[in-house]
Amino acid sequence: MSIFRPFILVLALLCGGCAALLAPPVLPGATETSVLDKLGTPTHRYTLGEDHLLEYAKGPWGQRTWMARIGSDGRLVSYRQVLTTAMFATLVPGVADKQQVLRTIGAPGETSSLPRIDMEVWSYAYKESDVWDSMMHVHFDRQGIVRQMLNGPDLRFDPDRRFP
């Protein structure tokens, strides 16, 4: 028996465990019932034409939100993490409204208002480039239209308060 055999066995078990962690919990084509059985009750539900979306906000301080799109046939069309730079980029200031924001990136982790400039702000914690703890702030006017989007570091993760 080789001295390396136990090492190889342990390595194979660890790699198998990692692969299971990376596998998506639901796959396209699954029924809505099986999606709900696997993922539980969604944090929010949204209508998207004949389809609907099930939002699953996850992670520490809401840095991950998964959106399951269920088609009109009651089957899963897609399941993806939506708090990403690419998804934020689809929200066009002056065009996107609150409903589009909700259907695109889900509900905010925090809301606030800026009375002096008459804006409402929805804030989303996320991992920029899947690395940096960041915060995206979506500013709405009175009509609920996105006017600007600002991102920066998430100060909750800055223990030495380097950022003012």
C-alpha atoms as a PDB file:
ATOM      1  CA  MET A   1       0.000   0.000   0.000  1.00  0.00           C
ATOM      2  CA  SER A   2       1.353   3.344  -1.043  1.00  0.00           C
ATOM      3  CA  ILE A   3       1.950   6.043   1.532  1.00  0.00           C
ATOM      4  CA  PHE A   4       0.105   8.442  -0.779  1.00  0.00           C
ATOM      5  CA  ARG A   5      -3.120   6.402  -1.004  1.00  0.00           C
ATOM      6  CA  PRO A   6      -4.722   7.892   2.177  1.00  0.00           C
ATOM      7  CA  PHE A   7      -3.745  11.380   0.996  1.00  0.00           C
ATOM      8  CA  ILE A   8      -5.331  10.798  -2.422  1.00  0.00           C
ATOM      9  CA  LEU A   9      -8.503   9.437  -0.801  1.00  0.00           C
ATOM     10  CA  VAL A  10      -8.839  12.503   1.454  1.00  0.00           C
ATOM     11  CA  LEU A  11      -8.164  14.838  -1.492  1.00  0.00           C
ATOM     12  CA  ALA A  12     -10.827  13.090  -3.603  1.00  0.00           C
ATOM     13  CA  LEU A  13     -13.382  13.406  -0.796  1.00  0.00           C
ATOM     14  CA  LEU A  14     -12.612  17.096  -0.327  1.00  0.00           C
ATOM     15  CA  CYS A  15     -12.869  17.829  -4.047  1.00  0.00           C
ATOM     16  CA  GLY A  16     -16.171  15.973  -4.238  1.00  0.00           C
ATOM     17  CA  GLY A  17     -17.511  18.053  -1.358  1.00  0.00           C
ATOM     18  CA  CYS A  18     -16.458  21.293  -3.056  1.00  0.00           C
ATOM     19  CA  ALA A  19     -18.145  20.263  -6.299  1.00  0.00           C
ATOM     20  CA  ALA A  20     -21.396  19.710  -4.413  1.00  0.00           C
ATOM     21  CA  LEU A  21     -21.144  23.209  -2.933  1.00  0.00           C
ATOM     22  CA  LEU A  22     -20.697  24.775  -6.376  1.00  0.00           C
ATOM     23  CA  ALA A  23     -23.614  22.962  -7.999  1.00  0.00           C
ATOM     24  CA  PRO A  24     -26.739  25.096  -8.410  1.00  0.00           C
ATOM     25  CA  PRO A  25     -29.488  24.053  -6.005  1.00  0.00           C
ATOM     26  CA  VAL A  26     -32.094  24.116  -8.802  1.00  0.00           C
ATOM     27  CA  LEU A  27     -31.800  23.538 -12.534  1.00  0.00           C
ATOM     28  CA  PRO A  28     -33.777  24.980 -15.457  1.00  0.00           C
ATOM     29  CA  GLY A  29     -36.830  22.884 -16.235  1.00  0.00           C
ATOM     30  CA  ALA A  30     -37.602  22.130 -12.586  1.00  0.00           C
ATOM     31  CA  THR A  31     -41.199  22.699 -11.533  1.00  0.00           C
ATOM     32  CA  GLU A  32     -42.070  25.660  -9.343  1.00  0.00           C
ATOM     33  CA  THR A  33     -43.089  23.217  -6.614  1.00  0.00           C
ATOM     34  CA  SER A  34     -39.656  21.569  -6.628  1.00  0.00           C
ATOM     35  CA  VAL A  35     -37.981  25.013  -6.587  1.00  0.00           C
ATOM     36  CA  LEU A  36     -40.039  25.981  -3.526  1.00  0.00           C
ATOM     37  CA  ASP A  37     -39.302  22.613  -1.890  1.00  0.00           C
ATOM     38  CA  LYS A  38     -35.533  23.094  -2.361  1.00  0.00           C
ATOM     39  CA  LEU A  39     -35.238  26.840  -1.716  1.00  0.00           C
ATOM     40  CA  GLY A  40     -38.118  27.505   0.656  1.00  0.00           C
ATOM     41  CA  THR A  41     -40.332  30.552   0.812  1.00  0.00           C
ATOM     42  CA  PRO A  42     -39.015  33.431  -1.320  1.00  0.00           C
ATOM     43  CA  THR A  43     -38.304  36.784   0.301  1.00  0.00           C
ATOM     44  CA  HIS A  44     -40.370  38.494  -2.440  1.00  0.00           C
ATOM     45  CA  ARG A  45     -42.368  37.647  -5.577  1.00  0.00           C
ATOM     46  CA  TYR A  46     -42.581  39.788  -8.721  1.00  0.00           C
ATOM     47  CA  THR A  47     -44.533  39.579 -11.980  1.00  0.00           C
ATOM     48  CA  LEU A  48     -42.627  39.751 -15.264  1.00  0.00           C
ATOM     49  CA  GLY A  49     -45.075  39.557 -18.168  1.00  0.00           C
ATOM     50  CA  GLU A  50     -46.460  36.020 -18.196  1.00  0.00           C
ATOM     51  CA  ASP A  51     -43.536  34.824 -16.037  1.00  0.00           C
ATOM     52  CA  HIS A  52     -42.893  35.542 -12.392  1.00  0.00           C
ATOM     53  CA  LEU A  53     -39.794  35.919 -10.251  1.00  0.00           C
ATOM     54  CA  LEU A  54     -39.018  34.431  -6.860  1.00  0.00           C
ATOM     55  CA  GLU A  55     -36.435  36.461  -4.945  1.00  0.00           C
ATOM     56  CA  TYR A  56     -34.132  34.787  -2.425  1.00  0.00           C
ATOM     57  CA  ALA A  57     -32.040  37.320  -0.491  1.00  0.00           C
ATOM     58  CA  LYS A  58     -29.067  35.520   1.079  1.00  0.00           C
ATOM     59  CA  GLY A  59     -25.666  35.976   2.621  1.00  0.00           C
ATOM     60  CA  PRO A  60     -24.149  38.065   5.342  1.00  0.00           C
ATOM     61  CA  TRP A  61     -25.803  41.444   5.350  1.00  0.00           C
ATOM     62  CA  GLY A  62     -27.560  40.659   2.092  1.00  0.00           C
ATOM     63  CA  GLN A  63     -24.587  40.545  -0.287  1.00  0.00           C
ATOM     64  CA  ARG A  64     -26.237  37.874  -2.422  1.00  0.00           C
ATOM     65  CA  THR A  65     -29.724  37.839  -3.893  1.00  0.00           C
ATOM     66  CA  TRP A  66     -30.818  34.991  -6.138  1.00  0.00           C
ATOM     67  CA  MET A  67     -33.690  35.351  -8.580  1.00  0.00           C
ATOM     68  CA  ALA A  68     -35.598  32.317  -9.865  1.00  0.00           C
ATOM     69  CA  ARG A  69     -37.578  33.028 -13.030  1.00  0.00           C
ATOM     70  CA  ILE A  70     -40.621  30.777 -13.419  1.00  0.00           C
ATOM     71  CA  GLY A  71     -42.114  30.593 -16.913  1.00  0.00           C
ATOM     72  CA  SER A  72     -45.794  30.603 -17.811  1.00  0.00           C
ATOM     73  CA  ASP A  73     -45.594  26.782 -17.969  1.00  0.00           C
ATOM     74  CA  GLY A  74     -44.703  26.668 -14.252  1.00  0.00           C
ATOM     75  CA  ARG A  75     -41.096  25.589 -14.866  1.00  0.00           C
ATOM     76  CA  LEU A  76     -37.818  27.243 -13.895  1.00  0.00           C
ATOM     77  CA  VAL A  77     -36.351  29.294 -16.747  1.00  0.00           C
ATOM     78  CA  SER A  78     -33.300  30.655 -14.913  1.00  0.00           C
ATOM     79  CA  TYR A  79     -31.731  30.962 -11.472  1.00  0.00           C
ATOM     80  CA  ARG A  80     -29.010  33.542 -10.946  1.00  0.00           C
ATOM     81  CA  GLN A  81     -27.297  35.834  -8.488  1.00  0.00           C
ATOM     82  CA  VAL A  82     -28.441  39.365  -9.326  1.00  0.00           C
ATOM     83  CA  LEU A  83     -26.368  41.653  -7.091  1.00  0.00           C
ATOM     84  CA  THR A  84     -23.595  42.048  -9.653  1.00  0.00           C
ATOM     85  CA  THR A  85     -21.997  44.913 -11.521  1.00  0.00           C
ATOM     86  CA  ALA A  86     -23.443  43.528 -14.777  1.00  0.00           C
ATOM     87  CA  MET A  87     -27.003  43.553 -13.417  1.00  0.00           C
ATOM     88  CA  PHE A  88     -26.617  47.041 -11.921  1.00  0.00           C
ATOM     89  CA  ALA A  89     -25.454  48.230 -15.368  1.00  0.00           C
ATOM     90  CA  THR A  90     -28.798  47.224 -16.908  1.00  0.00           C
ATOM     91  CA  LEU A  91     -30.581  49.876 -14.816  1.00  0.00           C
ATOM     92  CA  VAL A  92     -30.469  53.042 -16.913  1.00  0.00           C
ATOM     93  CA  PRO A  93     -30.848  56.351 -15.024  1.00  0.00           C
ATOM     94  CA  GLY A  94     -33.729  58.388 -16.400  1.00  0.00           C
ATOM     95  CA  VAL A  95     -35.410  55.222 -17.725  1.00  0.00           C
ATOM     96  CA  ALA A  96     -35.569  52.547 -15.001  1.00  0.00           C
ATOM     97  CA  ASP A  97     -38.260  52.803 -12.345  1.00  0.00           C
ATOM     98  CA  LYS A  98     -38.775  51.155  -8.959  1.00  0.00           C
ATOM     99  CA  GLN A  99     -40.610  48.162 -10.435  1.00  0.00           C
ATOM    100  CA  GLN A 100     -37.799  47.489 -12.895  1.00  0.00           C
ATOM    101  CA  VAL A 101     -35.235  47.765 -10.096  1.00  0.00           C
ATOM    102  CA  LEU A 102     -37.187  45.257  -7.988  1.00  0.00           C
ATOM    103  CA  ARG A 103     -37.502  42.816 -10.906  1.00  0.00           C
ATOM    104  CA  THR A 104     -33.816  43.203 -11.806  1.00  0.00           C
ATOM    105  CA  ILE A 105     -31.932  43.217  -8.480  1.00  0.00           C
ATOM    106  CA  GLY A 106     -34.626  42.632  -5.870  1.00  0.00           C
ATOM    107  CA  ALA A 107     -35.555  44.504  -2.731  1.00  0.00           C
ATOM    108  CA  PRO A 108     -33.001  46.808  -1.086  1.00  0.00           C
ATOM    109  CA  GLY A 109     -31.224  45.994   2.136  1.00  0.00           C
ATOM    110  CA  GLU A 110     -31.735  49.554   3.358  1.00  0.00           C
ATOM    111  CA  THR A 111     -33.786  52.581   2.350  1.00  0.00           C
ATOM    112  CA  SER A 112     -33.226  56.225   3.190  1.00  0.00           C
ATOM    113  CA  SER A 113     -34.227  59.662   1.988  1.00  0.00           C
ATOM    114  CA  LEU A 114     -32.367  62.804   1.046  1.00  0.00           C
ATOM    115  CA  PRO A 115     -34.919  65.538   1.808  1.00  0.00           C
ATOM    116  CA  ARG A 116     -32.771  68.454   0.615  1.00  0.00           C
ATOM    117  CA  ILE A 117     -32.652  67.061  -2.914  1.00  0.00           C
ATOM    118  CA  ASP A 118     -36.000  65.233  -2.669  1.00  0.00           C
ATOM    119  CA  MET A 119     -34.639  61.751  -3.425  1.00  0.00           C
ATOM    120  CA  GLU A 120     -35.297  58.294  -2.044  1.00  0.00           C
ATOM    121  CA  VAL A 121     -32.288  55.960  -1.861  1.00  0.00           C
ATOM    122  CA  TRP A 122     -32.283  52.175  -1.971  1.00  0.00           C
ATOM    123  CA  SER A 123     -28.991  50.614  -0.862  1.00  0.00           C
ATOM    124  CA  TYR A 124     -27.682  47.167  -1.810  1.00  0.00           C
ATOM    125  CA  ALA A 125     -24.707  45.455  -0.179  1.00  0.00           C
ATOM    126  CA  TYR A 126     -22.819  43.288  -2.672  1.00  0.00           C
ATOM    127  CA  LYS A 127     -19.448  41.766  -3.523  1.00  0.00           C
ATOM    128  CA  GLU A 128     -18.023  43.872  -6.343  1.00  0.00           C
ATOM    129  CA  SER A 129     -16.150  41.576  -8.760  1.00  0.00           C
ATOM    130  CA  ASP A 130     -16.972  38.855  -6.216  1.00  0.00           C
ATOM    131  CA  VAL A 131     -14.183  40.283  -4.015  1.00  0.00           C
ATOM    132  CA  TRP A 132     -14.777  43.750  -2.525  1.00  0.00           C
ATOM    133  CA  ASP A 133     -17.441  44.478   0.064  1.00  0.00           C
ATOM    134  CA  SER A 134     -19.348  47.264  -1.660  1.00  0.00           C
ATOM    135  CA  MET A 135     -22.590  49.199  -1.465  1.00  0.00           C
ATOM    136  CA  MET A 136     -24.678  50.349  -4.454  1.00  0.00           C
ATOM    137  CA  HIS A 137     -27.011  53.284  -3.811  1.00  0.00           C
ATOM    138  CA  VAL A 138     -29.904  53.733  -6.265  1.00  0.00           C
ATOM    139  CA  HIS A 139     -31.434  57.249  -6.140  1.00  0.00           C
ATOM    140  CA  PHE A 140     -35.073  57.788  -7.168  1.00  0.00           C
ATOM    141  CA  ASP A 141     -36.948  61.023  -7.827  1.00  0.00           C
ATOM    142  CA  ARG A 142     -40.541  61.648  -6.669  1.00  0.00           C
ATOM    143  CA  GLN A 143     -41.938  59.806  -9.686  1.00  0.00           C
ATOM    144  CA  GLY A 144     -39.944  56.682  -8.798  1.00  0.00           C
ATOM    145  CA  ILE A 145     -37.491  57.023 -11.693  1.00  0.00           C
ATOM    146  CA  VAL A 146     -33.804  56.176 -11.165  1.00  0.00           C
ATOM    147  CA  ARG A 147     -31.814  59.407 -11.333  1.00  0.00           C
ATOM    148  CA  GLN A 148     -28.367  58.191 -10.314  1.00  0.00           C
ATOM    149  CA  MET A 149     -26.499  55.179  -9.020  1.00  0.00           C
ATOM    150  CA  LEU A 150     -23.464  55.488  -6.771  1.00  0.00           C
ATOM    151  CA  ASN A 151     -21.268  52.719  -5.444  1.00  0.00           C
ATOM    152  CA  GLY A 152     -18.492  52.615  -2.932  1.00  0.00           C
ATOM    153  CA  PRO A 153     -17.065  50.539  -0.102  1.00  0.00           C
ATOM    154  CA  ASP A 154     -19.408  48.979   2.427  1.00  0.00           C
ATOM    155  CA  LEU A 155     -18.242  50.687   5.601  1.00  0.00           C
ATOM    156  CA  ARG A 156     -19.705  47.927   7.773  1.00  0.00           C
ATOM    157  CA  PHE A 157     -16.713  45.830   6.657  1.00  0.00           C
ATOM    158  CA  ASP A 158     -14.084  48.524   7.246  1.00  0.00           C
ATOM    159  CA  PRO A 159     -12.750  47.816  10.760  1.00  0.00           C
ATOM    160  CA  ASP A 160     -10.178  50.621  10.800  1.00  0.00           C
ATOM    161  CA  ARG A 161     -12.528  53.204   9.221  1.00  0.00           C
ATOM    162  CA  ARG A 162     -10.106  54.181   6.445  1.00  0.00           C
ATOM    163  CA  PHE A 163     -12.929  55.569   4.347  1.00  0.00           C
ATOM    164  CA  PRO A 164     -14.656  58.730   5.598  1.00  0.00           C
END
